Amino acid sequence: MNFNFYTLETTAANSGSSKGSLIVMILIYALIFGAMYLLLIRPQRKKQKEEKKMRENLMVGDEVVTIGGIYGRVISLKEDTIVIESSSDHSKLTVARWALQSNLTVHDDTASK
């Protein structure tokens, strides 16, 4: 009878510690996911929003750089494409809007506010 009592006692102690370790494990995974969100996902989303805003606010005459490293001036804008003119030999290229890396023209944003 003592043997059975001892077995029940250790079984109860083990089930309590397994619940505690499960909670700790869930908390650790939550902390890891939270850290990854703050360090990786959130800054990437912010950068994507800024790039989208830059591409939407393009104007004819802006100096731009494509992701391929081509510098040029915007000649015309369409919904999904833009036509840029290279500065060296004035050749015209049609590129997708998503292929723009940066806009080198500084616009006065204080006038619109």
C-alpha atoms as a PDB file:
ATOM      1  CA  MET A   1       0.000   0.000   0.000  1.00  0.00           C
ATOM      2  CA  ASN A   2       2.834   2.382   0.685  1.00  0.00           C
ATOM      3  CA  PHE A   3       4.201   1.654  -2.756  1.00  0.00           C
ATOM      4  CA  ASN A   4       0.921   2.680  -4.424  1.00  0.00           C
ATOM      5  CA  PHE A   5       0.720   5.862  -2.379  1.00  0.00           C
ATOM      6  CA  TYR A   6       4.266   6.787  -3.394  1.00  0.00           C
ATOM      7  CA  THR A   7       3.465   6.133  -7.054  1.00  0.00           C
ATOM      8  CA  LEU A   8       0.366   8.330  -6.925  1.00  0.00           C
ATOM      9  CA  GLU A   9       2.308  11.086  -5.217  1.00  0.00           C
ATOM     10  CA  THR A  10       5.100  11.146  -7.816  1.00  0.00           C
ATOM     11  CA  THR A  11       2.577  10.969 -10.664  1.00  0.00           C
ATOM     12  CA  ALA A  12       0.737  14.012  -9.313  1.00  0.00           C
ATOM     13  CA  ALA A  13       4.013  15.899  -8.912  1.00  0.00           C
ATOM     14  CA  ASN A  14       5.095  15.065 -12.470  1.00  0.00           C
ATOM     15  CA  SER A  15       1.783  16.190 -14.015  1.00  0.00           C
ATOM     16  CA  GLY A  16       2.012  19.529 -12.205  1.00  0.00           C
ATOM     17  CA  SER A  17       5.551  20.155 -13.436  1.00  0.00           C
ATOM     18  CA  SER A  18       4.618  19.209 -17.000  1.00  0.00           C
ATOM     19  CA  LYS A  19       1.842  21.824 -16.999  1.00  0.00           C
ATOM     20  CA  GLY A  20       4.307  24.381 -15.714  1.00  0.00           C
ATOM     21  CA  SER A  21       6.885  23.507 -18.342  1.00  0.00           C
ATOM     22  CA  LEU A  22       4.208  23.714 -21.048  1.00  0.00           C
ATOM     23  CA  ILE A  23       3.332  27.252 -19.982  1.00  0.00           C
ATOM     24  CA  VAL A  24       6.998  28.237 -19.917  1.00  0.00           C
ATOM     25  CA  MET A  25       7.502  26.760 -23.374  1.00  0.00           C
ATOM     26  CA  ILE A  26       4.504  28.672 -24.747  1.00  0.00           C
ATOM     27  CA  LEU A  27       5.843  31.892 -23.213  1.00  0.00           C
ATOM     28  CA  ILE A  28       9.273  31.320 -24.739  1.00  0.00           C
ATOM     29  CA  TYR A  29       7.754  30.774 -28.194  1.00  0.00           C
ATOM     30  CA  ALA A  30       5.624  33.904 -27.770  1.00  0.00           C
ATOM     31  CA  LEU A  31       8.701  35.931 -26.820  1.00  0.00           C
ATOM     32  CA  ILE A  32      10.653  34.590 -29.802  1.00  0.00           C
ATOM     33  CA  PHE A  33       7.788  35.400 -32.188  1.00  0.00           C
ATOM     34  CA  GLY A  34       7.409  38.879 -30.640  1.00  0.00           C
ATOM     35  CA  ALA A  35      11.118  39.576 -31.005  1.00  0.00           C
ATOM     36  CA  MET A  36      11.114  38.403 -34.622  1.00  0.00           C
ATOM     37  CA  TYR A  37       8.099  40.603 -35.354  1.00  0.00           C
ATOM     38  CA  LEU A  38       9.746  43.673 -33.836  1.00  0.00           C
ATOM     39  CA  LEU A  39      13.159  43.074 -35.393  1.00  0.00           C
ATOM     40  CA  LEU A  40      12.279  41.682 -38.843  1.00  0.00           C
ATOM     41  CA  ILE A  41       8.647  41.913 -39.917  1.00  0.00           C
ATOM     42  CA  ARG A  42       7.703  45.398 -38.692  1.00  0.00           C
ATOM     43  CA  PRO A  43      10.677  47.258 -40.250  1.00  0.00           C
ATOM     44  CA  GLN A  44      10.194  45.407 -43.546  1.00  0.00           C
ATOM     45  CA  ARG A  45       6.514  46.401 -43.702  1.00  0.00           C
ATOM     46  CA  LYS A  46       7.428  50.011 -42.930  1.00  0.00           C
ATOM     47  CA  LYS A  47       9.983  50.007 -45.743  1.00  0.00           C
ATOM     48  CA  GLN A  48       7.441  48.497 -48.176  1.00  0.00           C
ATOM     49  CA  LYS A  49       4.899  51.209 -47.290  1.00  0.00           C
ATOM     50  CA  GLU A  50       7.480  53.949 -47.905  1.00  0.00           C
ATOM     51  CA  GLU A  51       8.438  52.435 -51.272  1.00  0.00           C
ATOM     52  CA  LYS A  52       4.789  52.160 -52.293  1.00  0.00           C
ATOM     53  CA  LYS A  53       4.196  55.794 -51.329  1.00  0.00           C
ATOM     54  CA  MET A  54       7.276  56.857 -53.324  1.00  0.00           C
ATOM     55  CA  ARG A  55       6.044  54.987 -56.420  1.00  0.00           C
ATOM     56  CA  GLU A  56       2.534  56.441 -56.125  1.00  0.00           C
ATOM     57  CA  ASN A  57       3.818  60.021 -55.762  1.00  0.00           C
ATOM     58  CA  LEU A  58       5.992  59.992 -58.875  1.00  0.00           C
ATOM     59  CA  MET A  59       5.693  62.963 -61.189  1.00  0.00           C
ATOM     60  CA  VAL A  60       6.861  63.601 -64.739  1.00  0.00           C
ATOM     61  CA  GLY A  61      10.375  65.030 -64.621  1.00  0.00           C
ATOM     62  CA  ASP A  62      11.506  63.183 -61.482  1.00  0.00           C
ATOM     63  CA  GLU A  63      15.009  61.707 -61.471  1.00  0.00           C
ATOM     64  CA  VAL A  64      14.786  58.004 -60.553  1.00  0.00           C
ATOM     65  CA  VAL A  65      16.987  54.939 -60.155  1.00  0.00           C
ATOM     66  CA  THR A  66      15.764  51.452 -61.089  1.00  0.00           C
ATOM     67  CA  ILE A  67      16.651  48.308 -59.167  1.00  0.00           C
ATOM     68  CA  GLY A  68      18.983  47.480 -62.051  1.00  0.00           C
ATOM     69  CA  GLY A  69      20.962  50.675 -61.443  1.00  0.00           C
ATOM     70  CA  ILE A  70      19.659  52.668 -64.420  1.00  0.00           C
ATOM     71  CA  TYR A  71      19.423  56.401 -63.787  1.00  0.00           C
ATOM     72  CA  GLY A  72      16.869  58.388 -65.723  1.00  0.00           C
ATOM     73  CA  ARG A  73      14.154  61.011 -65.826  1.00  0.00           C
ATOM     74  CA  VAL A  74      10.442  60.125 -65.856  1.00  0.00           C
ATOM     75  CA  ILE A  75       8.901  60.956 -69.236  1.00  0.00           C
ATOM     76  CA  SER A  76       5.418  59.451 -68.840  1.00  0.00           C
ATOM     77  CA  LEU A  77       3.430  57.616 -66.204  1.00  0.00           C
ATOM     78  CA  LYS A  78       0.936  54.826 -66.700  1.00  0.00           C
ATOM     79  CA  GLU A  79      -0.845  52.602 -64.217  1.00  0.00           C
ATOM     80  CA  ASP A  80       1.736  49.800 -64.028  1.00  0.00           C
ATOM     81  CA  THR A  81       4.631  51.150 -66.102  1.00  0.00           C
ATOM     82  CA  ILE A  82       6.647  54.292 -66.515  1.00  0.00           C
ATOM     83  CA  VAL A  83       8.825  55.522 -69.348  1.00  0.00           C
ATOM     84  CA  ILE A  84      12.202  56.901 -68.336  1.00  0.00           C
ATOM     85  CA  GLU A  85      14.820  58.655 -70.432  1.00  0.00           C
ATOM     86  CA  SER A  86      18.447  57.898 -69.693  1.00  0.00           C
ATOM     87  CA  SER A  87      20.607  60.934 -69.144  1.00  0.00           C
ATOM     88  CA  SER A  88      23.589  59.877 -71.252  1.00  0.00           C
ATOM     89  CA  ASP A  89      22.173  59.105 -74.708  1.00  0.00           C
ATOM     90  CA  HIS A  90      18.519  60.085 -74.203  1.00  0.00           C
ATOM     91  CA  SER A  91      17.237  56.584 -74.939  1.00  0.00           C
ATOM     92  CA  LYS A  92      13.772  55.795 -73.612  1.00  0.00           C
ATOM     93  CA  LEU A  93      13.051  52.734 -71.500  1.00  0.00           C
ATOM     94  CA  THR A  94       9.722  51.365 -70.339  1.00  0.00           C
ATOM     95  CA  VAL A  95       9.991  49.838 -66.872  1.00  0.00           C
ATOM     96  CA  ALA A  96       7.515  48.493 -64.347  1.00  0.00           C
ATOM     97  CA  ARG A  97       6.699  50.702 -61.390  1.00  0.00           C
ATOM     98  CA  TRP A  98       7.815  47.990 -58.959  1.00  0.00           C
ATOM     99  CA  ALA A  99      11.280  48.149 -60.561  1.00  0.00           C
ATOM    100  CA  LEU A 100      11.977  51.632 -59.171  1.00  0.00           C
ATOM    101  CA  GLN A 101      14.412  51.732 -56.292  1.00  0.00           C
ATOM    102  CA  SER A 102      14.446  55.396 -55.395  1.00  0.00           C
ATOM    103  CA  ASN A 103      13.346  58.851 -56.403  1.00  0.00           C
ATOM    104  CA  LEU A 104      16.258  61.289 -56.404  1.00  0.00           C
ATOM    105  CA  THR A 105      14.080  64.399 -56.801  1.00  0.00           C
ATOM    106  CA  VAL A 106      13.285  66.194 -53.565  1.00  0.00           C
ATOM    107  CA  HIS A 107       9.717  67.532 -53.477  1.00  0.00           C
ATOM    108  CA  ASP A 108       8.597  70.312 -51.193  1.00  0.00           C
ATOM    109  CA  ASP A 109       6.135  68.475 -48.916  1.00  0.00           C
ATOM    110  CA  THR A 110       5.555  71.524 -46.698  1.00  0.00           C
ATOM    111  CA  ALA A 111       3.441  73.206 -49.404  1.00  0.00           C
ATOM    112  CA  SER A 112       0.979  70.307 -49.464  1.00  0.00           C
ATOM    113  CA  LYS A 113       0.570  70.373 -45.667  1.00  0.00           C
END
